[in-house]
Amino acid sequence: MSRGTFMELVGVLRPTLERQATNMREPISVENRVAVAVWCLATGACYRVAVDKFIVGLPTVSDAVLEVCFAIERELLSKMVSLGEEVGKIMDGFSALGFHHCVGAIDGTHIPIGQPGGKPDQYGNRKNYSSILLQGTVDHTGHFVDAEVGWSDKNHDAFVFRNSAICAAMDTGLFVLGNPTLSLNGISVPPLIISDGVYLMRCWLMKPYGKFAVMPQQKYFDRCLTRVRNKVECSFRRLKGRWQCLLHQLKAREENVVTIVTACVILHNLCEAKGHGVLGSLLDPTPLTMPGDGLEYRENDRGMLEEGKEVRDAMAAFIYA
C-alpha cells in the first residue's frame, strides 16, 4: 500500500491502539505497531525477521500483529466488507461483464494453519495439511462484499455455504437492500449470486448446467457464468498475493486465526478501493476448492433446487436472447 493509505489506516486505528506513556517507558507508537503488523501480514516472514527489521522484541511483534488485526476487524469490518447501498451499480457492472441481475460471485479457498493442539484431525483436508476455509463473495470489481472464515476444510463447500450467514440472509431477502426482483416470462428473479458446480442451487444462486447443458442457450449461459465467476478466483489470487501470510501456515493460535484472515480481507478491500495493484510475480495460482461430489440434499434444499432450475432456465433464455 502507499504511504498515504498507510497513514489513513493509522488514523482510523489510532483511537483503539493509542497507549498512554508511563514513568517506566514510552509506548511504541501506533505507526510502528501498524507497520510491524502490515509487514508481517504482507511478507508471511518469521517474526524473528521482523525483530531485526524493526528493532523490537519478539513479544512486541506478536502482540502488534494481533492487536492491529483485532483493531482492523473492530473498526473496519462493517464499513469495508459489505454490499453497501450501490446495488444498482454492482448489477450494472455484472451486466457489462455478461451476467444480468447479479450482485456477487461466491467461492471458497484453503488457508493453511498450524496443526491445532489436541485436534490434529479436526482441520485436516484432502491435501494432508491443516487448513480452514475462507468463503468469499465479491462484486464485479473483485471487492469482497462478504467473507466467512473458520470452517474446517473437512467440511464440504456445500455444507459451509448452507450454514453461512450470507445463505440465510439471501434466503430471507435481507442481504440486498430492497431485494429488487426481475420478472422473466412469469418467473420472479431475485438478486442473484453465481457459483461453481459444488454449491446447492437456490432461486438466487446460479451455478452452471455443466454436463446437462445440451441446448445452445444453456451452453451460452455456462460460458457467461464461468467468465464472470472468474472474478472471485482473481480476487483470491490478489488477496494471497498481497498478504502472503495466507500462503503459509498462519503463525497464530487457533482462536486468533479468524481475526487475522478477516483483517487481510479488509486490507485487501482497502487496497482495491485505493487502486493499489499487485505485482504479477506475487499472484498465487488458482485457489484450491473442494470436489463437487458427495452433495447431501435436505428436503428444504430439494424444493429450492427446483425453484433455482426455473430461474436458471429463465435467465439462460434471457441472456441468450
C-alpha atoms as a PDB file:
ATOM      1  CA  MET A   1       0.000   0.000   0.000  1.00  0.00           C
ATOM      2  CA  SER A   2       1.072   3.600  -0.462  1.00  0.00           C
ATOM      3  CA  ARG A   3       2.304   5.819   2.358  1.00  0.00           C
ATOM      4  CA  GLY A   4      -0.939   7.818   2.122  1.00  0.00           C
ATOM      5  CA  THR A   5      -3.079   4.704   2.521  1.00  0.00           C
ATOM      6  CA  PHE A   6      -0.902   3.536   5.407  1.00  0.00           C
ATOM      7  CA  MET A   7      -1.284   6.854   7.258  1.00  0.00           C
ATOM      8  CA  GLU A   8      -5.037   6.807   6.633  1.00  0.00           C
ATOM      9  CA  LEU A   9      -5.176   3.325   8.182  1.00  0.00           C
ATOM     10  CA  VAL A  10      -3.120   4.537  11.164  1.00  0.00           C
ATOM     11  CA  GLY A  11      -5.550   7.423  11.665  1.00  0.00           C
ATOM     12  CA  VAL A  12      -8.546   5.081  11.774  1.00  0.00           C
ATOM     13  CA  LEU A  13      -6.856   2.687  14.213  1.00  0.00           C
ATOM     14  CA  ARG A  14      -5.217   5.276  16.457  1.00  0.00           C
ATOM     15  CA  PRO A  15      -8.122   5.672  18.953  1.00  0.00           C
ATOM     16  CA  THR A  16      -8.094   1.898  19.534  1.00  0.00           C
ATOM     17  CA  LEU A  17      -4.318   1.362  19.576  1.00  0.00           C
ATOM     18  CA  GLU A  18      -3.105   4.515  21.358  1.00  0.00           C
ATOM     19  CA  ARG A  19      -1.272   3.780  24.624  1.00  0.00           C
ATOM     20  CA  GLN A  20      -0.538   6.153  27.499  1.00  0.00           C
ATOM     21  CA  ALA A  21       3.080   6.891  28.395  1.00  0.00           C
ATOM     22  CA  THR A  22       4.157   5.829  31.916  1.00  0.00           C
ATOM     23  CA  ASN A  23       7.042   6.654  34.219  1.00  0.00           C
ATOM     24  CA  MET A  24       8.605   3.333  33.253  1.00  0.00           C
ATOM     25  CA  ARG A  25       8.782   3.792  29.470  1.00  0.00           C
ATOM     26  CA  GLU A  26       7.331   5.368  26.346  1.00  0.00           C
ATOM     27  CA  PRO A  27       4.900   3.136  24.443  1.00  0.00           C
ATOM     28  CA  ILE A  28       5.727   2.006  20.908  1.00  0.00           C
ATOM     29  CA  SER A  29       3.999   4.385  18.515  1.00  0.00           C
ATOM     30  CA  VAL A  30       0.825   3.420  16.681  1.00  0.00           C
ATOM     31  CA  GLU A  31       2.649   3.948  13.374  1.00  0.00           C
ATOM     32  CA  ASN A  32       5.342   1.424  14.321  1.00  0.00           C
ATOM     33  CA  ARG A  33       2.893  -1.196  15.541  1.00  0.00           C
ATOM     34  CA  VAL A  34       0.750  -0.912  12.407  1.00  0.00           C
ATOM     35  CA  ALA A  35       3.909  -1.070  10.269  1.00  0.00           C
ATOM     36  CA  VAL A  36       5.056  -4.247  12.034  1.00  0.00           C
ATOM     37  CA  ALA A  37       1.648  -5.879  11.552  1.00  0.00           C
ATOM     38  CA  VAL A  38       1.233  -4.880   7.902  1.00  0.00           C
ATOM     39  CA  TRP A  39       4.787  -6.026   7.078  1.00  0.00           C
ATOM     40  CA  CYS A  40       4.275  -9.408   8.772  1.00  0.00           C
ATOM     41  CA  LEU A  41       0.941  -9.965   7.031  1.00  0.00           C
ATOM     42  CA  ALA A  42       2.334  -8.924   3.656  1.00  0.00           C
ATOM     43  CA  THR A  43       5.530 -10.986   3.746  1.00  0.00           C
ATOM     44  CA  GLY A  44       4.478 -14.002   5.804  1.00  0.00           C
ATOM     45  CA  ALA A  45       8.026 -13.910   7.195  1.00  0.00           C
ATOM     46  CA  CYS A  46       9.069 -15.352  10.530  1.00  0.00           C
ATOM     47  CA  TYR A  47       8.504 -12.959  13.424  1.00  0.00           C
ATOM     48  CA  ARG A  48      12.212 -13.145  14.242  1.00  0.00           C
ATOM     49  CA  VAL A  49      12.934 -11.450  10.915  1.00  0.00           C
ATOM     50  CA  ALA A  50      10.627  -8.607  11.968  1.00  0.00           C
ATOM     51  CA  VAL A  51      12.548  -8.340  15.252  1.00  0.00           C
ATOM     52  CA  ASP A  52      15.727  -7.471  13.349  1.00  0.00           C
ATOM     53  CA  LYS A  53      13.977  -5.242  10.831  1.00  0.00           C
ATOM     54  CA  PHE A  54      12.056  -3.092  13.323  1.00  0.00           C
ATOM     55  CA  ILE A  55      14.472  -3.353  16.303  1.00  0.00           C
ATOM     56  CA  VAL A  56      11.790  -4.552  18.723  1.00  0.00           C
ATOM     57  CA  GLY A  57      11.341  -7.624  20.913  1.00  0.00           C
ATOM     58  CA  LEU A  58       9.724 -10.844  19.742  1.00  0.00           C
ATOM     59  CA  PRO A  59       6.728 -10.482  22.117  1.00  0.00           C
ATOM     60  CA  THR A  60       6.208  -6.955  20.756  1.00  0.00           C
ATOM     61  CA  VAL A  61       5.971  -8.276  17.186  1.00  0.00           C
ATOM     62  CA  SER A  62       3.497 -10.992  18.155  1.00  0.00           C
ATOM     63  CA  ASP A  63       1.379  -8.588  20.209  1.00  0.00           C
ATOM     64  CA  ALA A  64       1.425  -5.927  17.480  1.00  0.00           C
ATOM     65  CA  VAL A  65       0.131  -8.313  14.803  1.00  0.00           C
ATOM     66  CA  LEU A  66      -2.776  -9.455  16.968  1.00  0.00           C
ATOM     67  CA  GLU A  67      -3.626  -6.017  18.360  1.00  0.00           C
ATOM     68  CA  VAL A  68      -3.677  -4.426  14.909  1.00  0.00           C
ATOM     69  CA  CYS A  69      -5.707  -7.261  13.367  1.00  0.00           C
ATOM     70  CA  PHE A  70      -8.303  -7.078  16.148  1.00  0.00           C
ATOM     71  CA  ALA A  71      -8.464  -3.283  15.744  1.00  0.00           C
ATOM     72  CA  ILE A  72      -8.902  -3.588  11.958  1.00  0.00           C
ATOM     73  CA  GLU A  73     -11.705  -6.102  12.427  1.00  0.00           C
ATOM     74  CA  ARG A  74     -13.422  -3.937  15.038  1.00  0.00           C
ATOM     75  CA  GLU A  75     -13.156  -0.601  13.256  1.00  0.00           C
ATOM     76  CA  LEU A  76     -13.416  -1.521   9.568  1.00  0.00           C
ATOM     77  CA  LEU A  77     -15.220  -4.843   9.028  1.00  0.00           C
ATOM     78  CA  SER A  78     -18.760  -3.448   8.748  1.00  0.00           C
ATOM     79  CA  LYS A  79     -17.548  -0.487   6.658  1.00  0.00           C
ATOM     80  CA  MET A  80     -15.235  -2.277   4.240  1.00  0.00           C
ATOM     81  CA  VAL A  81     -16.785  -5.755   3.772  1.00  0.00           C
ATOM     82  CA  SER A  82     -20.424  -5.155   2.879  1.00  0.00           C
ATOM     83  CA  LEU A  83     -22.670  -4.874  -0.152  1.00  0.00           C
ATOM     84  CA  GLY A  84     -23.459  -1.236   0.605  1.00  0.00           C
ATOM     85  CA  GLU A  85     -26.241   0.787  -0.953  1.00  0.00           C
ATOM     86  CA  GLU A  86     -24.966   0.930  -4.549  1.00  0.00           C
ATOM     87  CA  VAL A  87     -26.671  -2.299  -5.556  1.00  0.00           C
ATOM     88  CA  GLY A  88     -27.694  -0.885  -8.929  1.00  0.00           C
ATOM     89  CA  LYS A  89     -24.074  -0.007  -9.730  1.00  0.00           C
ATOM     90  CA  ILE A  90     -22.958  -3.560  -8.894  1.00  0.00           C
ATOM     91  CA  MET A  91     -25.744  -5.085 -11.023  1.00  0.00           C
ATOM     92  CA  ASP A  92     -24.790  -2.794 -13.911  1.00  0.00           C
ATOM     93  CA  GLY A  93     -21.159  -3.888 -13.508  1.00  0.00           C
ATOM     94  CA  PHE A  94     -22.059  -7.567 -13.724  1.00  0.00           C
ATOM     95  CA  SER A  95     -24.381  -6.861 -16.672  1.00  0.00           C
ATOM     96  CA  ALA A  96     -21.480  -5.237 -18.515  1.00  0.00           C
ATOM     97  CA  LEU A  97     -19.484  -8.420 -17.873  1.00  0.00           C
ATOM     98  CA  GLY A  98     -22.272 -10.542 -19.354  1.00  0.00           C
ATOM     99  CA  PHE A  99     -24.469 -11.640 -16.438  1.00  0.00           C
ATOM    100  CA  HIS A 100     -27.602  -9.714 -15.512  1.00  0.00           C
ATOM    101  CA  HIS A 101     -29.286  -9.012 -12.150  1.00  0.00           C
ATOM    102  CA  CYS A 102     -26.241 -10.305 -10.253  1.00  0.00           C
ATOM    103  CA  VAL A 103     -24.790  -8.907  -7.001  1.00  0.00           C
ATOM    104  CA  GLY A 104     -21.898 -11.277  -6.349  1.00  0.00           C
ATOM    105  CA  ALA A 105     -19.746 -14.299  -7.179  1.00  0.00           C
ATOM    106  CA  ILE A 106     -19.017 -16.819  -4.410  1.00  0.00           C
ATOM    107  CA  ASP A 107     -16.276 -19.414  -3.899  1.00  0.00           C
ATOM    108  CA  GLY A 108     -14.016 -20.867  -1.216  1.00  0.00           C
ATOM    109  CA  THR A 109     -10.262 -21.179  -0.742  1.00  0.00           C
ATOM    110  CA  HIS A 110      -7.920 -23.002   1.647  1.00  0.00           C
ATOM    111  CA  ILE A 111      -5.990 -21.064   4.298  1.00  0.00           C
ATOM    112  CA  PRO A 112      -3.159 -23.218   5.763  1.00  0.00           C
ATOM    113  CA  ILE A 113      -2.880 -23.182   9.553  1.00  0.00           C
ATOM    114  CA  GLY A 114      -0.660 -24.859  12.100  1.00  0.00           C
ATOM    115  CA  GLN A 115      -1.940 -28.153  13.446  1.00  0.00           C
ATOM    116  CA  PRO A 116      -4.225 -27.209  16.374  1.00  0.00           C
ATOM    117  CA  GLY A 117      -3.055 -28.615  19.697  1.00  0.00           C
ATOM    118  CA  GLY A 118      -5.057 -31.658  20.717  1.00  0.00           C
ATOM    119  CA  LYS A 119      -7.096 -31.572  17.488  1.00  0.00           C
ATOM    120  CA  PRO A 120      -4.777 -32.925  14.798  1.00  0.00           C
ATOM    121  CA  ASP A 121      -7.591 -34.295  12.649  1.00  0.00           C
ATOM    122  CA  GLN A 122     -10.236 -31.591  13.034  1.00  0.00           C
ATOM    123  CA  TYR A 123      -8.739 -29.263  10.418  1.00  0.00           C
ATOM    124  CA  GLY A 124      -7.064 -31.817   8.156  1.00  0.00           C
ATOM    125  CA  ASN A 125      -8.029 -31.704   4.490  1.00  0.00           C
ATOM    126  CA  ARG A 126      -7.707 -33.953   1.458  1.00  0.00           C
ATOM    127  CA  LYS A 127      -4.289 -32.426   0.696  1.00  0.00           C
ATOM    128  CA  ASN A 128      -2.970 -33.782   4.026  1.00  0.00           C
ATOM    129  CA  TYR A 129      -2.373 -30.478   5.790  1.00  0.00           C
ATOM    130  CA  SER A 130      -4.405 -28.464   8.301  1.00  0.00           C
ATOM    131  CA  SER A 131      -6.435 -25.577   6.944  1.00  0.00           C
ATOM    132  CA  ILE A 132      -9.613 -23.592   7.296  1.00  0.00           C
ATOM    133  CA  LEU A 133     -11.957 -22.444   4.564  1.00  0.00           C
ATOM    134  CA  LEU A 134     -12.458 -18.827   3.582  1.00  0.00           C
ATOM    135  CA  GLN A 135     -15.804 -18.458   1.800  1.00  0.00           C
ATOM    136  CA  GLY A 136     -15.768 -15.169  -0.058  1.00  0.00           C
ATOM    137  CA  THR A 137     -18.318 -13.286  -2.161  1.00  0.00           C
ATOM    138  CA  VAL A 138     -17.085 -10.477  -4.418  1.00  0.00           C
ATOM    139  CA  ASP A 139     -18.692  -7.808  -6.562  1.00  0.00           C
ATOM    140  CA  HIS A 140     -17.885  -7.016 -10.217  1.00  0.00           C
ATOM    141  CA  THR A 141     -14.671  -5.215  -9.241  1.00  0.00           C
ATOM    142  CA  GLY A 142     -13.284  -8.017  -7.045  1.00  0.00           C
ATOM    143  CA  HIS A 143     -14.197  -6.222  -3.809  1.00  0.00           C
ATOM    144  CA  PHE A 144     -15.283  -8.651  -1.073  1.00  0.00           C
ATOM    145  CA  VAL A 145     -18.885  -7.972  -0.030  1.00  0.00           C
ATOM    146  CA  ASP A 146     -18.951 -10.946   2.343  1.00  0.00           C
ATOM    147  CA  ALA A 147     -16.294 -13.166   3.914  1.00  0.00           C
ATOM    148  CA  GLU A 148     -16.862 -16.033   6.320  1.00  0.00           C
ATOM    149  CA  VAL A 149     -13.896 -17.786   7.890  1.00  0.00           C
ATOM    150  CA  GLY A 150     -13.327 -20.605  10.310  1.00  0.00           C
ATOM    151  CA  TRP A 151     -14.876 -23.754   8.932  1.00  0.00           C
ATOM    152  CA  SER A 152     -12.649 -26.800   8.863  1.00  0.00           C
ATOM    153  CA  ASP A 153     -11.726 -27.962   5.371  1.00  0.00           C
ATOM    154  CA  LYS A 154     -13.059 -31.377   6.365  1.00  0.00           C
ATOM    155  CA  ASN A 155     -16.449 -29.774   5.641  1.00  0.00           C
ATOM    156  CA  HIS A 156     -17.690 -29.715   2.058  1.00  0.00           C
ATOM    157  CA  ASP A 157     -18.149 -26.309   0.399  1.00  0.00           C
ATOM    158  CA  ALA A 158     -21.883 -27.021   0.148  1.00  0.00           C
ATOM    159  CA  PHE A 159     -22.106 -27.660   3.919  1.00  0.00           C
ATOM    160  CA  VAL A 160     -20.225 -24.436   4.705  1.00  0.00           C
ATOM    161  CA  PHE A 161     -22.436 -22.498   2.302  1.00  0.00           C
ATOM    162  CA  ARG A 162     -25.669 -23.930   3.697  1.00  0.00           C
ATOM    163  CA  ASN A 163     -24.670 -22.896   7.227  1.00  0.00           C
ATOM    164  CA  SER A 164     -23.275 -19.473   6.309  1.00  0.00           C
ATOM    165  CA  ALA A 165     -24.748 -16.115   7.222  1.00  0.00           C
ATOM    166  CA  ILE A 166     -24.974 -14.991   3.594  1.00  0.00           C
ATOM    167  CA  CYS A 167     -27.105 -18.031   2.708  1.00  0.00           C
ATOM    168  CA  ALA A 168     -29.570 -17.207   5.492  1.00  0.00           C
ATOM    169  CA  ALA A 169     -29.595 -13.513   4.546  1.00  0.00           C
ATOM    170  CA  MET A 170     -30.232 -14.243   0.863  1.00  0.00           C
ATOM    171  CA  ASP A 171     -32.929 -16.832   1.666  1.00  0.00           C
ATOM    172  CA  THR A 172     -34.810 -14.189   3.658  1.00  0.00           C
ATOM    173  CA  GLY A 173     -34.145 -11.403   1.158  1.00  0.00           C
ATOM    174  CA  LEU A 174     -32.246  -9.275   3.679  1.00  0.00           C
ATOM    175  CA  PHE A 175     -28.783  -9.219   2.093  1.00  0.00           C
ATOM    176  CA  VAL A 176     -29.650  -6.889  -0.790  1.00  0.00           C
ATOM    177  CA  LEU A 177     -31.199  -3.556   0.123  1.00  0.00           C
ATOM    178  CA  GLY A 178     -34.778  -3.521  -1.169  1.00  0.00           C
ATOM    179  CA  ASN A 179     -34.390  -7.017  -2.653  1.00  0.00           C
ATOM    180  CA  PRO A 180     -35.226  -5.845  -6.239  1.00  0.00           C
ATOM    181  CA  THR A 181     -36.740  -8.550  -8.440  1.00  0.00           C
ATOM    182  CA  LEU A 182     -36.810  -9.091 -12.183  1.00  0.00           C
ATOM    183  CA  SER A 183     -39.799 -10.722 -13.940  1.00  0.00           C
ATOM    184  CA  LEU A 184     -38.969 -13.009 -16.871  1.00  0.00           C
ATOM    185  CA  ASN A 185     -41.893 -14.785 -18.554  1.00  0.00           C
ATOM    186  CA  GLY A 186     -43.768 -15.031 -15.273  1.00  0.00           C
ATOM    187  CA  ILE A 187     -40.702 -16.133 -13.303  1.00  0.00           C
ATOM    188  CA  SER A 188     -39.686 -13.817 -10.461  1.00  0.00           C
ATOM    189  CA  VAL A 189     -35.904 -13.485 -10.365  1.00  0.00           C
ATOM    190  CA  PRO A 190     -34.396 -12.178  -7.097  1.00  0.00           C
ATOM    191  CA  PRO A 191     -30.908 -10.631  -6.908  1.00  0.00           C
ATOM    192  CA  LEU A 192     -28.511 -13.382  -7.968  1.00  0.00           C
ATOM    193  CA  ILE A 193     -25.187 -14.751  -6.772  1.00  0.00           C
ATOM    194  CA  ILE A 194     -23.190 -17.028  -9.088  1.00  0.00           C
ATOM    195  CA  SER A 195     -21.076 -20.025  -8.099  1.00  0.00           C
ATOM    196  CA  ASP A 196     -19.396 -23.123  -9.468  1.00  0.00           C
ATOM    197  CA  GLY A 197     -20.980 -26.558  -9.506  1.00  0.00           C
ATOM    198  CA  VAL A 198     -20.236 -27.574  -5.904  1.00  0.00           C
ATOM    199  CA  TYR A 199     -22.853 -25.293  -4.376  1.00  0.00           C
ATOM    200  CA  LEU A 200     -26.505 -26.115  -3.739  1.00  0.00           C
ATOM    201  CA  MET A 201     -28.944 -24.493  -6.141  1.00  0.00           C
ATOM    202  CA  ARG A 202     -31.202 -21.740  -4.816  1.00  0.00           C
ATOM    203  CA  CYS A 203     -33.623 -19.439  -6.586  1.00  0.00           C
ATOM    204  CA  TRP A 204     -30.979 -16.753  -6.046  1.00  0.00           C
ATOM    205  CA  LEU A 205     -27.869 -18.931  -6.517  1.00  0.00           C
ATOM    206  CA  MET A 206     -26.948 -19.702 -10.096  1.00  0.00           C
ATOM    207  CA  LYS A 207     -24.492 -22.441 -10.996  1.00  0.00           C
ATOM    208  CA  PRO A 208     -23.636 -23.882 -14.429  1.00  0.00           C
ATOM    209  CA  TYR A 209     -25.623 -26.604 -16.146  1.00  0.00           C
ATOM    210  CA  GLY A 210     -22.356 -28.478 -16.594  1.00  0.00           C
ATOM    211  CA  LYS A 211     -22.798 -31.847 -18.279  1.00  0.00           C
ATOM    212  CA  PHE A 212     -26.551 -31.224 -18.532  1.00  0.00           C
ATOM    213  CA  ALA A 213     -26.067 -28.295 -20.919  1.00  0.00           C
ATOM    214  CA  VAL A 214     -27.442 -29.518 -24.263  1.00  0.00           C
ATOM    215  CA  MET A 215     -29.362 -26.534 -25.649  1.00  0.00           C
ATOM    216  CA  PRO A 216     -27.494 -23.555 -27.165  1.00  0.00           C
ATOM    217  CA  GLN A 217     -28.844 -21.157 -24.538  1.00  0.00           C
ATOM    218  CA  GLN A 218     -27.680 -23.488 -21.755  1.00  0.00           C
ATOM    219  CA  LYS A 219     -24.162 -23.704 -23.155  1.00  0.00           C
ATOM    220  CA  TYR A 220     -24.059 -19.942 -23.656  1.00  0.00           C
ATOM    221  CA  PHE A 221     -25.300 -19.440 -20.077  1.00  0.00           C
ATOM    222  CA  ASP A 222     -22.455 -21.611 -18.776  1.00  0.00           C
ATOM    223  CA  ARG A 223     -19.859 -19.656 -20.753  1.00  0.00           C
ATOM    224  CA  CYS A 224     -21.151 -16.338 -19.441  1.00  0.00           C
ATOM    225  CA  LEU A 225     -21.350 -17.567 -15.854  1.00  0.00           C
ATOM    226  CA  THR A 226     -17.873 -19.103 -15.898  1.00  0.00           C
ATOM    227  CA  ARG A 227     -16.316 -15.973 -17.369  1.00  0.00           C
ATOM    228  CA  VAL A 228     -17.944 -13.712 -14.775  1.00  0.00           C
ATOM    229  CA  ARG A 229     -17.315 -16.084 -11.856  1.00  0.00           C
ATOM    230  CA  ASN A 230     -13.606 -15.799 -12.575  1.00  0.00           C
ATOM    231  CA  LYS A 231     -13.796 -12.504 -10.647  1.00  0.00           C
ATOM    232  CA  VAL A 232     -13.829 -14.322  -7.320  1.00  0.00           C
ATOM    233  CA  GLU A 233     -10.884 -16.559  -8.248  1.00  0.00           C
ATOM    234  CA  CYS A 234      -8.873 -13.493  -9.306  1.00  0.00           C
ATOM    235  CA  SER A 235      -9.767 -11.827  -6.000  1.00  0.00           C
ATOM    236  CA  PHE A 236      -8.433 -14.793  -4.036  1.00  0.00           C
ATOM    237  CA  ARG A 237      -5.197 -14.637  -6.027  1.00  0.00           C
ATOM    238  CA  ARG A 238      -4.784 -10.918  -5.360  1.00  0.00           C
ATOM    239  CA  LEU A 239      -5.672 -11.404  -1.687  1.00  0.00           C
ATOM    240  CA  LYS A 240      -2.948 -14.017  -1.221  1.00  0.00           C
ATOM    241  CA  GLY A 241      -0.529 -12.086  -3.409  1.00  0.00           C
ATOM    242  CA  ARG A 242      -0.821  -9.043  -1.160  1.00  0.00           C
ATOM    243  CA  TRP A 243      -0.996 -10.855   2.175  1.00  0.00           C
ATOM    244  CA  GLN A 244       1.361 -13.788   1.817  1.00  0.00           C
ATOM    245  CA  CYS A 245       0.869 -14.931   5.392  1.00  0.00           C
ATOM    246  CA  LEU A 246      -2.195 -16.664   3.879  1.00  0.00           C
ATOM    247  CA  LEU A 247       0.041 -18.793   1.636  1.00  0.00           C
ATOM    248  CA  HIS A 248       1.864 -20.436   4.542  1.00  0.00           C
ATOM    249  CA  GLN A 249       0.882 -21.808   7.929  1.00  0.00           C
ATOM    250  CA  LEU A 250      -0.509 -18.897   9.907  1.00  0.00           C
ATOM    251  CA  LYS A 251       1.627 -18.163  12.942  1.00  0.00           C
ATOM    252  CA  ALA A 252      -1.266 -17.794  15.373  1.00  0.00           C
ATOM    253  CA  ARG A 253      -3.278 -19.677  17.933  1.00  0.00           C
ATOM    254  CA  GLU A 254      -6.441 -21.346  16.723  1.00  0.00           C
ATOM    255  CA  GLU A 255      -8.683 -18.743  18.375  1.00  0.00           C
ATOM    256  CA  ASN A 256      -6.897 -15.870  16.563  1.00  0.00           C
ATOM    257  CA  VAL A 257      -6.800 -17.294  13.044  1.00  0.00           C
ATOM    258  CA  VAL A 258     -10.245 -15.989  12.021  1.00  0.00           C
ATOM    259  CA  THR A 259      -9.367 -12.424  13.043  1.00  0.00           C
ATOM    260  CA  ILE A 260      -6.086 -12.447  11.108  1.00  0.00           C
ATOM    261  CA  VAL A 261      -7.707 -13.764   7.918  1.00  0.00           C
ATOM    262  CA  THR A 262     -10.576 -11.278   8.287  1.00  0.00           C
ATOM    263  CA  ALA A 263      -8.092  -8.431   8.698  1.00  0.00           C
ATOM    264  CA  CYS A 264      -6.351  -9.487   5.480  1.00  0.00           C
ATOM    265  CA  VAL A 265      -9.693  -9.412   3.619  1.00  0.00           C
ATOM    266  CA  ILE A 266     -10.407  -5.918   4.976  1.00  0.00           C
ATOM    267  CA  LEU A 267      -6.949  -4.682   3.984  1.00  0.00           C
ATOM    268  CA  HIS A 268      -7.426  -6.235   0.532  1.00  0.00           C
ATOM    269  CA  ASN A 269     -10.608  -4.188   0.076  1.00  0.00           C
ATOM    270  CA  LEU A 270      -8.826  -1.072   1.286  1.00  0.00           C
ATOM    271  CA  CYS A 271      -6.030  -1.548  -1.269  1.00  0.00           C
ATOM    272  CA  GLU A 272      -8.534  -2.323  -4.028  1.00  0.00           C
ATOM    273  CA  ALA A 273     -10.518   0.826  -3.212  1.00  0.00           C
ATOM    274  CA  LYS A 274      -7.310   2.899  -3.401  1.00  0.00           C
ATOM    275  CA  GLY A 275      -6.328   1.360  -6.726  1.00  0.00           C
ATOM    276  CA  HIS A 276      -3.149  -0.333  -5.490  1.00  0.00           C
ATOM    277  CA  GLY A 277      -2.078  -3.154  -7.794  1.00  0.00           C
ATOM    278  CA  VAL A 278      -0.325  -6.444  -7.084  1.00  0.00           C
ATOM    279  CA  LEU A 279       2.946  -7.443  -8.719  1.00  0.00           C
ATOM    280  CA  GLY A 280       2.333 -10.254 -11.184  1.00  0.00           C
ATOM    281  CA  SER A 281       5.114 -12.323  -9.616  1.00  0.00           C
ATOM    282  CA  LEU A 282       3.217 -12.357  -6.306  1.00  0.00           C
ATOM    283  CA  LEU A 283      -0.053 -13.736  -7.622  1.00  0.00           C
ATOM    284  CA  ASP A 284      -0.929 -17.140  -6.219  1.00  0.00           C
ATOM    285  CA  PRO A 285      -2.116 -19.951  -8.514  1.00  0.00           C
ATOM    286  CA  THR A 286      -5.831 -20.638  -8.741  1.00  0.00           C
ATOM    287  CA  PRO A 287      -7.219 -21.365  -5.232  1.00  0.00           C
ATOM    288  CA  LEU A 288      -7.937 -24.947  -4.301  1.00  0.00           C
ATOM    289  CA  THR A 289     -11.581 -25.858  -3.900  1.00  0.00           C
ATOM    290  CA  MET A 290     -13.313 -28.963  -2.720  1.00  0.00           C
ATOM    291  CA  PRO A 291     -14.521 -31.505  -5.299  1.00  0.00           C
ATOM    292  CA  GLY A 292     -18.101 -31.390  -6.476  1.00  0.00           C
ATOM    293  CA  ASP A 293     -19.194 -34.833  -5.369  1.00  0.00           C
ATOM    294  CA  GLY A 294     -20.881 -36.024  -2.202  1.00  0.00           C
ATOM    295  CA  LEU A 295     -23.605 -33.363  -2.033  1.00  0.00           C
ATOM    296  CA  GLU A 296     -26.128 -34.081   0.674  1.00  0.00           C
ATOM    297  CA  TYR A 297     -29.545 -32.590  -0.068  1.00  0.00           C
ATOM    298  CA  ARG A 298     -32.161 -31.920   2.580  1.00  0.00           C
ATOM    299  CA  GLU A 299     -35.880 -31.780   1.744  1.00  0.00           C
ATOM    300  CA  ASN A 300     -35.791 -27.980   2.002  1.00  0.00           C
ATOM    301  CA  ASP A 301     -32.852 -27.918  -0.394  1.00  0.00           C
ATOM    302  CA  ARG A 302     -34.708 -30.022  -2.941  1.00  0.00           C
ATOM    303  CA  GLY A 303     -37.590 -27.536  -3.086  1.00  0.00           C
ATOM    304  CA  MET A 304     -35.160 -24.675  -3.579  1.00  0.00           C
ATOM    305  CA  LEU A 305     -33.326 -26.713  -6.216  1.00  0.00           C
ATOM    306  CA  GLU A 306     -36.466 -26.840  -8.366  1.00  0.00           C
ATOM    307  CA  GLU A 307     -37.060 -23.101  -7.909  1.00  0.00           C
ATOM    308  CA  GLY A 308     -33.435 -22.492  -8.822  1.00  0.00           C
ATOM    309  CA  LYS A 309     -33.736 -24.531 -12.007  1.00  0.00           C
ATOM    310  CA  GLU A 310     -36.744 -22.459 -13.105  1.00  0.00           C
ATOM    311  CA  VAL A 311     -34.878 -19.224 -12.502  1.00  0.00           C
ATOM    312  CA  ARG A 312     -31.763 -20.571 -14.262  1.00  0.00           C
ATOM    313  CA  ASP A 313     -33.770 -21.589 -17.332  1.00  0.00           C
ATOM    314  CA  ALA A 314     -35.413 -18.156 -17.453  1.00  0.00           C
ATOM    315  CA  MET A 315     -32.043 -16.414 -17.087  1.00  0.00           C
ATOM    316  CA  ALA A 316     -30.432 -18.645 -19.733  1.00  0.00           C
ATOM    317  CA  ALA A 317     -33.167 -17.755 -22.242  1.00  0.00           C
ATOM    318  CA  PHE A 318     -32.908 -14.044 -21.337  1.00  0.00           C
ATOM    319  CA  ILE A 319     -29.124 -13.857 -21.648  1.00  0.00           C
ATOM    320  CA  TYR A 320     -29.127 -15.864 -24.880  1.00  0.00           C
ATOM    321  CA  ALA A 321     -31.798 -13.608 -26.394  1.00  0.00           C
END
